[in-house]
């Protein structure tokens, strides 16, 4: 098993990992991205499959099923741990931004 470290995910890696929280295939991921980003994220096939291959190499997703036409992948326990860490990081950044924009200081006091 590979070490997940403290790597910060790119937006596409983050979103693709989310898409694989349930079994999914390439076209399903593209639909997931379009739906859940209100059409803002529409990766080309090369970008999507590059992200899938990188996640496979890191062992954050694994082959779940295969038929003649498609491969279905699912997030691994390690990938889920990476995703949970990234959600915590993003939440902290969001909270800090809201505090500062609402007139508080960077320590969270108003």
C-alpha atoms as a PDB file:
ATOM      1  CA  UNK A   1       0.000   0.000   0.000  1.00  0.00           C
ATOM      2  CA  UNK A   2       1.290   3.450  -0.896  1.00  0.00           C
ATOM      3  CA  UNK A   3       1.638   6.246   1.663  1.00  0.00           C
ATOM      4  CA  UNK A   4      -0.991   8.951   1.145  1.00  0.00           C
ATOM      5  CA  UNK A   5       1.121  11.698   2.783  1.00  0.00           C
ATOM      6  CA  UNK A   6      -0.110  15.258   2.824  1.00  0.00           C
ATOM      7  CA  UNK A   7      -0.573  15.698  -0.879  1.00  0.00           C
ATOM      8  CA  UNK A   8      -3.024  18.440  -1.842  1.00  0.00           C
ATOM      9  CA  UNK A   9      -5.401  17.199  -4.510  1.00  0.00           C
ATOM     10  CA  UNK A  10      -6.043  19.013  -7.742  1.00  0.00           C
ATOM     11  CA  UNK A  11      -9.673  19.886  -8.315  1.00  0.00           C
ATOM     12  CA  UNK A  12     -10.045  17.187 -10.959  1.00  0.00           C
ATOM     13  CA  UNK A  13      -8.481  14.502  -8.727  1.00  0.00           C
ATOM     14  CA  UNK A  14     -10.734  15.540  -5.851  1.00  0.00           C
ATOM     15  CA  UNK A  15     -13.876  15.425  -7.972  1.00  0.00           C
ATOM     16  CA  UNK A  16     -12.959  12.150  -9.677  1.00  0.00           C
ATOM     17  CA  UNK A  17     -12.296  10.526  -6.290  1.00  0.00           C
ATOM     18  CA  UNK A  18     -15.733  11.694  -5.171  1.00  0.00           C
ATOM     19  CA  UNK A  19     -17.229  10.141  -8.306  1.00  0.00           C
ATOM     20  CA  UNK A  20     -15.661   6.786  -7.387  1.00  0.00           C
ATOM     21  CA  UNK A  21     -17.182   6.672  -3.894  1.00  0.00           C
ATOM     22  CA  UNK A  22     -19.624   4.317  -5.556  1.00  0.00           C
ATOM     23  CA  UNK A  23     -18.734   2.045  -8.496  1.00  0.00           C
ATOM     24  CA  UNK A  24     -18.394   4.145 -11.627  1.00  0.00           C
ATOM     25  CA  UNK A  25     -16.909   4.138 -15.133  1.00  0.00           C
ATOM     26  CA  UNK A  26     -15.486   6.880 -17.358  1.00  0.00           C
ATOM     27  CA  UNK A  27     -18.715   8.098 -18.896  1.00  0.00           C
ATOM     28  CA  UNK A  28     -20.428   7.968 -15.508  1.00  0.00           C
ATOM     29  CA  UNK A  29     -17.646  10.115 -14.043  1.00  0.00           C
ATOM     30  CA  UNK A  30     -18.082  12.672 -16.820  1.00  0.00           C
ATOM     31  CA  UNK A  31     -21.819  12.809 -16.064  1.00  0.00           C
ATOM     32  CA  UNK A  32     -21.102  13.107 -12.324  1.00  0.00           C
ATOM     33  CA  UNK A  33     -18.711  16.001 -12.898  1.00  0.00           C
ATOM     34  CA  UNK A  34     -21.081  17.891 -15.154  1.00  0.00           C
ATOM     35  CA  UNK A  35     -24.035  17.406 -12.812  1.00  0.00           C
ATOM     36  CA  UNK A  36     -22.279  18.161  -9.528  1.00  0.00           C
ATOM     37  CA  UNK A  37     -20.344  21.194 -10.798  1.00  0.00           C
ATOM     38  CA  UNK A  38     -23.336  22.645 -12.655  1.00  0.00           C
ATOM     39  CA  UNK A  39     -21.449  22.158 -15.919  1.00  0.00           C
ATOM     40  CA  UNK A  40     -18.374  24.083 -14.754  1.00  0.00           C
ATOM     41  CA  UNK A  41     -16.034  21.068 -14.956  1.00  0.00           C
ATOM     42  CA  UNK A  42     -16.076  19.234 -18.292  1.00  0.00           C
ATOM     43  CA  UNK A  43     -12.769  17.429 -18.693  1.00  0.00           C
ATOM     44  CA  UNK A  44     -11.776  15.977 -22.018  1.00  0.00           C
ATOM     45  CA  UNK A  45     -11.253  12.248 -22.284  1.00  0.00           C
ATOM     46  CA  UNK A  46      -7.465  12.633 -22.025  1.00  0.00           C
ATOM     47  CA  UNK A  47      -7.701  14.666 -18.825  1.00  0.00           C
ATOM     48  CA  UNK A  48     -10.193  12.263 -17.279  1.00  0.00           C
ATOM     49  CA  UNK A  49      -8.273   9.116 -18.137  1.00  0.00           C
ATOM     50  CA  UNK A  50      -5.025  10.767 -17.031  1.00  0.00           C
ATOM     51  CA  UNK A  51      -6.622  11.411 -13.633  1.00  0.00           C
ATOM     52  CA  UNK A  52      -7.976   7.849 -13.469  1.00  0.00           C
ATOM     53  CA  UNK A  53      -4.548   6.405 -14.283  1.00  0.00           C
ATOM     54  CA  UNK A  54      -2.877   8.608 -11.651  1.00  0.00           C
ATOM     55  CA  UNK A  55      -5.414   7.505  -9.023  1.00  0.00           C
ATOM     56  CA  UNK A  56      -4.872   3.866  -9.989  1.00  0.00           C
ATOM     57  CA  UNK A  57      -1.104   4.260  -9.707  1.00  0.00           C
ATOM     58  CA  UNK A  58      -1.476   5.786  -6.231  1.00  0.00           C
ATOM     59  CA  UNK A  59      -3.831   2.926  -5.313  1.00  0.00           C
ATOM     60  CA  UNK A  60      -6.601   5.373  -4.374  1.00  0.00           C
ATOM     61  CA  UNK A  61      -9.034   3.589  -6.715  1.00  0.00           C
ATOM     62  CA  UNK A  62      -9.128  -0.004  -7.908  1.00  0.00           C
ATOM     63  CA  UNK A  63     -10.798  -1.966 -10.675  1.00  0.00           C
ATOM     64  CA  UNK A  64     -14.229  -3.043  -9.453  1.00  0.00           C
ATOM     65  CA  UNK A  65     -15.664  -4.749 -12.552  1.00  0.00           C
ATOM     66  CA  UNK A  66     -14.909  -5.144 -16.235  1.00  0.00           C
ATOM     67  CA  UNK A  67     -16.978  -6.077 -19.225  1.00  0.00           C
ATOM     68  CA  UNK A  68     -16.426  -5.917 -22.981  1.00  0.00           C
ATOM     69  CA  UNK A  69     -17.118  -2.184 -23.181  1.00  0.00           C
ATOM     70  CA  UNK A  70     -16.114  -0.571 -19.909  1.00  0.00           C
ATOM     71  CA  UNK A  71     -14.123  -0.769 -16.713  1.00  0.00           C
ATOM     72  CA  UNK A  72     -15.741   0.207 -13.441  1.00  0.00           C
ATOM     73  CA  UNK A  73     -13.636   1.510 -10.555  1.00  0.00           C
ATOM     74  CA  UNK A  74     -14.219   2.081  -6.841  1.00  0.00           C
ATOM     75  CA  UNK A  75     -12.379   4.149  -4.265  1.00  0.00           C
ATOM     76  CA  UNK A  76     -10.076   2.165  -1.953  1.00  0.00           C
ATOM     77  CA  UNK A  77      -9.789   2.572   1.811  1.00  0.00           C
ATOM     78  CA  UNK A  78      -6.593   4.537   1.212  1.00  0.00           C
ATOM     79  CA  UNK A  79      -8.341   6.757  -1.334  1.00  0.00           C
ATOM     80  CA  UNK A  80     -11.185   7.372   1.113  1.00  0.00           C
ATOM     81  CA  UNK A  81      -8.660   8.417   3.784  1.00  0.00           C
ATOM     82  CA  UNK A  82      -7.064  10.854   1.306  1.00  0.00           C
ATOM     83  CA  UNK A  83     -10.487  12.224   0.384  1.00  0.00           C
ATOM     84  CA  UNK A  84     -11.517  12.650   4.030  1.00  0.00           C
ATOM     85  CA  UNK A  85      -8.271  14.517   4.760  1.00  0.00           C
ATOM     86  CA  UNK A  86      -8.822  16.766   1.744  1.00  0.00           C
ATOM     87  CA  UNK A  87     -12.411  17.548   2.788  1.00  0.00           C
ATOM     88  CA  UNK A  88     -11.132  18.596   6.246  1.00  0.00           C
ATOM     89  CA  UNK A  89      -8.458  20.796   4.634  1.00  0.00           C
ATOM     90  CA  UNK A  90     -10.970  22.447   2.306  1.00  0.00           C
ATOM     91  CA  UNK A  91     -13.400  22.994   5.190  1.00  0.00           C
ATOM     92  CA  UNK A  92     -10.702  24.740   7.246  1.00  0.00           C
ATOM     93  CA  UNK A  93      -9.816  26.973   4.290  1.00  0.00           C
ATOM     94  CA  UNK A  94     -13.490  27.763   3.671  1.00  0.00           C
ATOM     95  CA  UNK A  95     -14.066  28.605   7.343  1.00  0.00           C
ATOM     96  CA  UNK A  96     -11.012  30.882   7.428  1.00  0.00           C
ATOM     97  CA  UNK A  97     -12.162  32.666   4.275  1.00  0.00           C
ATOM     98  CA  UNK A  98     -15.651  33.197   5.686  1.00  0.00           C
ATOM     99  CA  UNK A  99     -14.269  34.513   8.976  1.00  0.00           C
ATOM    100  CA  UNK A 100     -11.979  37.014   7.275  1.00  0.00           C
ATOM    101  CA  UNK A 101     -14.580  38.137   4.727  1.00  0.00           C
ATOM    102  CA  UNK A 102     -17.111  38.613   7.520  1.00  0.00           C
ATOM    103  CA  UNK A 103     -14.774  40.932   9.425  1.00  0.00           C
ATOM    104  CA  UNK A 104     -13.050  38.532  11.786  1.00  0.00           C
ATOM    105  CA  UNK A 105      -9.305  38.130  11.935  1.00  0.00           C
ATOM    106  CA  UNK A 106      -7.241  35.141  10.870  1.00  0.00           C
ATOM    107  CA  UNK A 107      -7.402  33.743  14.406  1.00  0.00           C
ATOM    108  CA  UNK A 108     -11.163  33.384  14.116  1.00  0.00           C
ATOM    109  CA  UNK A 109     -12.050  36.110  16.613  1.00  0.00           C
ATOM    110  CA  UNK A 110     -14.436  38.907  15.725  1.00  0.00           C
END
